[in-house]
Amino acid sequence: MLRTIIPGLIIGLAIGGPISKAYAQDPSARCVSVANEQMTIASAQGRGLDIENFNEVETVTFLKAFNTMPPKSNFVATKVFAAVGRDRAYVFFESGEDLCTAPSPLSLESYEALVEQAQGSGT
């Protein structure tokens, strides 16, 4: 019996990933290991994007506002940073071992509105 359970478990993990991580982030998130953070930052800077970090208070406020924007999401994070370009921003959410981003970047206008909210509550 064990010989039939183990292959099924291996196939299930290969397709769906570890069950404990299934609800760690928004289902639409693209995630990598948090160990790739510095490489992600270097890559963004190499493409001419500016990195903006959020303090703890800004992270909480930014995250709440981001999650209520359409389409609603449920990202969680202990740290947030963004790679900002001339017309768009890629927001990264760090939680535990995951570094995640939404499937699409934010328009610069949407990003700046969220930053204003976050900084307004952080001062």
N, C-alpha and C. Protein backbone atom coordinates (compact mmCIF):
# COMPACT_ATOMS: atom_id res chain seq x y z
N MET A 1 0.82 -1.20 0.00
CA MET A 1 0.00 0.00 0.00
C MET A 1 0.86 1.26 0.00
N LEU A 2 1.95 1.24 0.75
CA LEU A 2 2.84 2.38 0.82
C LEU A 2 3.44 2.69 -0.55
N ARG A 3 3.64 1.65 -1.38
CA ARG A 3 4.20 1.86 -2.71
C ARG A 3 3.24 2.64 -3.61
N THR A 4 1.96 2.60 -3.36
CA THR A 4 1.00 3.36 -4.17
C THR A 4 0.78 4.76 -3.63
N ILE A 5 0.94 4.95 -2.34
CA ILE A 5 0.74 6.27 -1.74
C ILE A 5 1.90 7.21 -2.07
N ILE A 6 3.13 6.74 -1.96
CA ILE A 6 4.30 7.58 -2.17
C ILE A 6 4.36 8.17 -3.58
N PRO A 7 4.17 7.39 -4.67
CA PRO A 7 4.17 8.02 -6.00
C PRO A 7 3.07 9.07 -6.16
N GLY A 8 1.91 8.82 -5.58
CA GLY A 8 0.82 9.80 -5.64
C GLY A 8 1.17 11.08 -4.93
N LEU A 9 1.81 10.96 -3.78
CA LEU A 9 2.24 12.13 -3.01
C LEU A 9 3.29 12.92 -3.78
N ILE A 10 4.24 12.22 -4.38
CA ILE A 10 5.30 12.89 -5.15
C ILE A 10 4.70 13.65 -6.33
N ILE A 11 3.77 13.04 -7.05
CA ILE A 11 3.12 13.70 -8.19
C ILE A 11 2.31 14.90 -7.71
N GLY A 12 1.60 14.75 -6.59
CA GLY A 12 0.81 15.86 -6.05
C GLY A 12 1.67 17.06 -5.68
N LEU A 13 2.81 16.81 -5.05
CA LEU A 13 3.71 17.91 -4.68
C LEU A 13 4.35 18.55 -5.90
N ALA A 14 4.65 17.75 -6.90
CA ALA A 14 5.27 18.29 -8.11
C ALA A 14 4.31 19.21 -8.85
N ILE A 15 3.04 18.86 -8.85
CA ILE A 15 2.06 19.68 -9.57
C ILE A 15 1.61 20.86 -8.74
N GLY A 16 1.26 20.64 -7.48
CA GLY A 16 0.69 21.69 -6.66
C GLY A 16 1.62 22.33 -5.68
N GLY A 17 2.80 21.79 -5.51
CA GLY A 17 3.73 22.32 -4.52
C GLY A 17 3.36 21.85 -3.13
N PRO A 18 4.14 22.21 -2.14
CA PRO A 18 3.85 21.78 -0.78
C PRO A 18 2.52 22.34 -0.31
N ILE A 19 1.74 21.52 0.34
CA ILE A 19 0.42 21.92 0.78
C ILE A 19 0.49 23.09 1.76
N SER A 20 1.50 23.14 2.61
CA SER A 20 1.59 24.21 3.60
C SER A 20 1.78 25.57 2.96
N LYS A 21 2.28 25.63 1.72
CA LYS A 21 2.49 26.91 1.06
C LYS A 21 1.32 27.32 0.19
N ALA A 22 0.32 26.48 0.05
CA ALA A 22 -0.78 26.75 -0.86
C ALA A 22 -1.51 28.04 -0.52
N TYR A 23 -1.57 28.38 0.74
CA TYR A 23 -2.30 29.58 1.14
C TYR A 23 -1.37 30.65 1.70
N ALA A 24 -0.08 30.54 1.45
CA ALA A 24 0.89 31.49 2.00
C ALA A 24 0.77 32.86 1.33
N GLN A 25 0.37 32.88 0.07
CA GLN A 25 0.26 34.13 -0.68
C GLN A 25 -0.97 34.08 -1.55
N ASP A 26 -1.25 35.17 -2.17
CA ASP A 26 -2.34 35.25 -3.13
C ASP A 26 -2.14 34.17 -4.19
N PRO A 27 -3.21 33.50 -4.62
CA PRO A 27 -3.06 32.45 -5.63
C PRO A 27 -2.47 32.94 -6.96
N SER A 28 -2.60 34.22 -7.24
CA SER A 28 -2.07 34.77 -8.49
C SER A 28 -0.61 35.15 -8.40
N ALA A 29 -0.03 35.06 -7.21
CA ALA A 29 1.34 35.51 -6.98
C ALA A 29 2.36 34.68 -7.74
N ARG A 30 3.42 35.37 -8.12
CA ARG A 30 4.60 34.69 -8.65
C ARG A 30 5.64 34.76 -7.55
N CYS A 31 6.08 33.60 -7.06
CA CYS A 31 6.98 33.57 -5.92
C CYS A 31 8.29 32.85 -6.23
N VAL A 32 9.33 33.32 -5.58
CA VAL A 32 10.63 32.66 -5.62
C VAL A 32 11.14 32.62 -4.18
N SER A 33 12.24 31.94 -3.98
CA SER A 33 12.84 31.89 -2.65
C SER A 33 13.32 33.28 -2.27
N VAL A 34 13.16 33.62 -1.00
CA VAL A 34 13.64 34.91 -0.51
C VAL A 34 15.15 35.04 -0.67
N ALA A 35 15.83 33.92 -0.85
CA ALA A 35 17.28 33.96 -1.08
C ALA A 35 17.62 34.68 -2.39
N ASN A 36 16.65 34.83 -3.27
CA ASN A 36 16.87 35.52 -4.54
C ASN A 36 16.63 37.03 -4.48
N GLU A 37 16.41 37.57 -3.28
CA GLU A 37 16.10 39.00 -3.15
C GLU A 37 17.19 39.89 -3.73
N GLN A 38 18.43 39.67 -3.36
CA GLN A 38 19.51 40.54 -3.84
C GLN A 38 19.70 40.43 -5.35
N MET A 39 19.52 39.23 -5.89
CA MET A 39 19.62 39.05 -7.33
C MET A 39 18.46 39.78 -8.04
N THR A 40 17.27 39.75 -7.44
CA THR A 40 16.11 40.45 -7.99
C THR A 40 16.36 41.96 -8.00
N ILE A 41 16.89 42.47 -6.91
CA ILE A 41 17.19 43.90 -6.80
C ILE A 41 18.26 44.29 -7.82
N ALA A 42 19.32 43.52 -7.91
CA ALA A 42 20.39 43.82 -8.86
C ALA A 42 19.89 43.79 -10.29
N SER A 43 19.04 42.85 -10.61
CA SER A 43 18.47 42.75 -11.95
C SER A 43 17.62 43.98 -12.27
N ALA A 44 16.80 44.39 -11.32
CA ALA A 44 15.95 45.57 -11.52
C ALA A 44 16.80 46.83 -11.69
N GLN A 45 17.81 46.98 -10.87
CA GLN A 45 18.69 48.15 -10.99
C GLN A 45 19.44 48.12 -12.31
N GLY A 46 19.82 46.94 -12.77
CA GLY A 46 20.49 46.80 -14.06
C GLY A 46 19.61 47.20 -15.23
N ARG A 47 18.31 47.17 -15.02
CA ARG A 47 17.35 47.58 -16.05
C ARG A 47 16.91 49.03 -15.87
N GLY A 48 17.59 49.74 -14.97
CA GLY A 48 17.31 51.16 -14.77
C GLY A 48 16.16 51.45 -13.83
N LEU A 49 15.70 50.47 -13.06
CA LEU A 49 14.61 50.70 -12.11
C LEU A 49 15.18 51.12 -10.76
N ASP A 50 14.45 51.98 -10.08
CA ASP A 50 14.84 52.42 -8.74
C ASP A 50 14.19 51.52 -7.71
N ILE A 51 14.91 51.20 -6.65
CA ILE A 51 14.38 50.36 -5.57
C ILE A 51 13.91 51.28 -4.45
N GLU A 52 12.66 51.07 -4.04
CA GLU A 52 12.09 51.82 -2.92
C GLU A 52 11.70 50.83 -1.84
N ASN A 53 12.21 51.04 -0.64
CA ASN A 53 11.90 50.18 0.50
C ASN A 53 10.87 50.86 1.39
N PHE A 54 10.06 50.06 2.06
CA PHE A 54 9.05 50.56 2.97
C PHE A 54 9.43 50.19 4.39
N ASN A 55 9.20 51.13 5.34
CA ASN A 55 9.43 50.78 6.74
C ASN A 55 8.27 49.92 7.23
N GLU A 56 8.32 49.49 8.49
CA GLU A 56 7.31 48.57 9.01
C GLU A 56 5.89 49.15 8.97
N VAL A 57 5.74 50.40 9.37
CA VAL A 57 4.41 51.02 9.37
C VAL A 57 3.91 51.18 7.94
N GLU A 58 4.76 51.63 7.04
CA GLU A 58 4.37 51.79 5.64
C GLU A 58 4.01 50.45 5.01
N THR A 59 4.74 49.39 5.39
CA THR A 59 4.46 48.06 4.85
C THR A 59 3.04 47.64 5.19
N VAL A 60 2.64 47.80 6.43
CA VAL A 60 1.29 47.40 6.86
C VAL A 60 0.23 48.20 6.11
N THR A 61 0.40 49.51 6.04
CA THR A 61 -0.58 50.37 5.38
C THR A 61 -0.62 50.12 3.88
N PHE A 62 0.54 50.00 3.26
CA PHE A 62 0.62 49.74 1.83
C PHE A 62 -0.06 48.41 1.50
N LEU A 63 0.23 47.40 2.29
CA LEU A 63 -0.33 46.07 2.06
C LEU A 63 -1.85 46.07 2.15
N LYS A 64 -2.40 46.74 3.16
CA LYS A 64 -3.86 46.82 3.30
C LYS A 64 -4.48 47.50 2.08
N ALA A 65 -3.89 48.61 1.65
CA ALA A 65 -4.42 49.34 0.49
C ALA A 65 -4.26 48.52 -0.79
N PHE A 66 -3.13 47.86 -0.96
CA PHE A 66 -2.88 47.05 -2.15
C PHE A 66 -3.89 45.91 -2.26
N ASN A 67 -4.14 45.25 -1.14
CA ASN A 67 -5.05 44.10 -1.15
C ASN A 67 -6.49 44.47 -1.43
N THR A 68 -6.87 45.73 -1.23
CA THR A 68 -8.25 46.14 -1.50
C THR A 68 -8.44 46.67 -2.92
N MET A 69 -7.33 46.90 -3.63
CA MET A 69 -7.44 47.36 -5.02
C MET A 69 -8.01 46.24 -5.89
N PRO A 70 -8.80 46.61 -6.91
CA PRO A 70 -9.25 45.57 -7.83
C PRO A 70 -8.10 45.08 -8.71
N PRO A 71 -8.00 43.83 -9.02
CA PRO A 71 -8.77 42.75 -8.39
C PRO A 71 -8.24 42.51 -6.99
N LYS A 72 -9.15 42.28 -6.04
CA LYS A 72 -8.74 42.09 -4.64
C LYS A 72 -7.77 40.92 -4.52
N SER A 73 -6.83 41.07 -3.62
CA SER A 73 -5.83 40.04 -3.41
C SER A 73 -5.66 39.82 -1.91
N ASN A 74 -4.84 38.87 -1.55
CA ASN A 74 -4.59 38.62 -0.13
C ASN A 74 -3.11 38.36 0.13
N PHE A 75 -2.27 39.27 -0.35
CA PHE A 75 -0.84 39.16 -0.10
C PHE A 75 -0.57 39.37 1.38
N VAL A 76 0.44 38.68 1.87
CA VAL A 76 0.93 38.87 3.23
C VAL A 76 2.41 39.20 3.13
N ALA A 77 2.91 39.98 4.07
CA ALA A 77 4.33 40.35 3.99
C ALA A 77 4.82 40.91 5.31
N THR A 78 6.09 40.67 5.55
CA THR A 78 6.78 41.32 6.66
C THR A 78 7.68 42.43 6.13
N LYS A 79 7.90 42.42 4.82
CA LYS A 79 8.73 43.42 4.16
C LYS A 79 8.18 43.66 2.76
N VAL A 80 8.17 44.92 2.35
CA VAL A 80 7.73 45.28 1.00
C VAL A 80 8.77 46.21 0.39
N PHE A 81 9.10 45.96 -0.87
CA PHE A 81 9.91 46.89 -1.63
C PHE A 81 9.40 46.91 -3.06
N ALA A 82 9.76 47.95 -3.78
CA ALA A 82 9.28 48.09 -5.16
C ALA A 82 10.44 48.46 -6.08
N ALA A 83 10.33 47.96 -7.30
CA ALA A 83 11.24 48.35 -8.38
C ALA A 83 10.43 49.27 -9.27
N VAL A 84 10.82 50.55 -9.29
CA VAL A 84 10.01 51.58 -9.93
C VAL A 84 10.69 52.10 -11.19
N GLY A 85 9.93 52.11 -12.27
CA GLY A 85 10.40 52.64 -13.54
C GLY A 85 9.64 53.91 -13.91
N ARG A 86 9.79 54.33 -15.17
CA ARG A 86 9.14 55.57 -15.62
C ARG A 86 7.63 55.47 -15.67
N ASP A 87 7.10 54.28 -15.98
CA ASP A 87 5.65 54.17 -16.15
C ASP A 87 5.02 53.03 -15.36
N ARG A 88 5.81 52.25 -14.64
CA ARG A 88 5.24 51.14 -13.86
C ARG A 88 6.12 50.80 -12.67
N ALA A 89 5.51 50.06 -11.75
CA ALA A 89 6.22 49.63 -10.55
C ALA A 89 5.93 48.16 -10.28
N TYR A 90 6.97 47.42 -9.97
CA TYR A 90 6.86 46.02 -9.60
C TYR A 90 7.01 45.95 -8.09
N VAL A 91 5.96 45.52 -7.40
CA VAL A 91 5.98 45.47 -5.95
C VAL A 91 6.28 44.04 -5.50
N PHE A 92 7.21 43.92 -4.54
CA PHE A 92 7.64 42.62 -4.04
C PHE A 92 7.25 42.49 -2.57
N PHE A 93 6.69 41.35 -2.23
CA PHE A 93 6.22 41.06 -0.88
C PHE A 93 7.04 39.91 -0.32
N GLU A 94 7.71 40.15 0.80
CA GLU A 94 8.52 39.11 1.44
C GLU A 94 7.78 38.59 2.66
N SER A 95 7.64 37.28 2.70
CA SER A 95 6.99 36.64 3.84
C SER A 95 7.63 35.28 4.06
N GLY A 96 8.27 35.13 5.18
CA GLY A 96 8.93 33.86 5.47
C GLY A 96 10.00 33.55 4.44
N GLU A 97 9.86 32.45 3.76
CA GLU A 97 10.83 32.01 2.76
C GLU A 97 10.45 32.46 1.35
N ASP A 98 9.34 33.16 1.20
CA ASP A 98 8.84 33.55 -0.12
C ASP A 98 9.08 35.02 -0.42
N LEU A 99 9.43 35.29 -1.66
CA LEU A 99 9.49 36.64 -2.21
C LEU A 99 8.54 36.62 -3.39
N CYS A 100 7.43 37.34 -3.26
CA CYS A 100 6.36 37.25 -4.25
C CYS A 100 6.03 38.60 -4.86
N THR A 101 5.45 38.54 -6.05
CA THR A 101 4.97 39.74 -6.72
C THR A 101 3.67 39.39 -7.42
N ALA A 102 2.86 40.41 -7.66
CA ALA A 102 1.61 40.21 -8.39
C ALA A 102 1.95 39.84 -9.84
N PRO A 103 1.01 39.24 -10.56
CA PRO A 103 1.31 38.82 -11.93
C PRO A 103 1.54 39.98 -12.89
N SER A 104 1.06 41.16 -12.54
CA SER A 104 1.24 42.33 -13.41
C SER A 104 1.77 43.50 -12.58
N PRO A 105 2.58 44.35 -13.20
CA PRO A 105 3.05 45.54 -12.48
C PRO A 105 1.92 46.54 -12.29
N LEU A 106 2.12 47.47 -11.37
CA LEU A 106 1.18 48.56 -11.17
C LEU A 106 1.54 49.72 -12.09
N SER A 107 0.53 50.45 -12.51
CA SER A 107 0.83 51.69 -13.23
C SER A 107 1.52 52.62 -12.23
N LEU A 108 2.31 53.53 -12.72
CA LEU A 108 3.02 54.45 -11.83
C LEU A 108 2.03 55.27 -11.01
N GLU A 109 0.91 55.66 -11.62
CA GLU A 109 -0.10 56.44 -10.92
C GLU A 109 -0.70 55.66 -9.75
N SER A 110 -1.05 54.39 -9.99
CA SER A 110 -1.61 53.56 -8.92
C SER A 110 -0.60 53.35 -7.81
N TYR A 111 0.64 53.09 -8.19
CA TYR A 111 1.69 52.89 -7.20
C TYR A 111 1.88 54.13 -6.34
N GLU A 112 1.96 55.29 -6.98
CA GLU A 112 2.18 56.54 -6.23
C GLU A 112 1.02 56.83 -5.28
N ALA A 113 -0.20 56.50 -5.68
CA ALA A 113 -1.35 56.70 -4.79
C ALA A 113 -1.23 55.80 -3.56
N LEU A 114 -0.80 54.56 -3.75
CA LEU A 114 -0.61 53.65 -2.62
C LEU A 114 0.51 54.13 -1.70
N VAL A 115 1.59 54.64 -2.29
CA VAL A 115 2.71 55.15 -1.50
C VAL A 115 2.25 56.35 -0.66
N GLU A 116 1.46 57.22 -1.25
CA GLU A 116 0.94 58.38 -0.49
C GLU A 116 0.12 57.92 0.71
N GLN A 117 -0.73 56.91 0.50
CA GLN A 117 -1.51 56.36 1.61
C GLN A 117 -0.59 55.80 2.69
N ALA A 118 0.40 55.02 2.27
CA ALA A 118 1.30 54.39 3.22
C ALA A 118 2.11 55.42 4.00
N GLN A 119 2.60 56.42 3.31
CA GLN A 119 3.42 57.43 3.98
C GLN A 119 2.58 58.37 4.82
N GLY A 120 1.33 58.57 4.43
CA GLY A 120 0.43 59.41 5.21
C GLY A 120 0.15 58.81 6.57
N SER A 121 0.06 57.50 6.63
CA SER A 121 -0.18 56.82 7.90
C SER A 121 1.12 56.59 8.67
N GLY A 122 2.24 56.69 7.96
CA GLY A 122 3.53 56.39 8.59
C GLY A 122 4.20 57.59 9.20
N THR A 123 3.59 58.77 9.09
CA THR A 123 4.26 59.95 9.65
C THR A 123 3.63 60.41 10.93
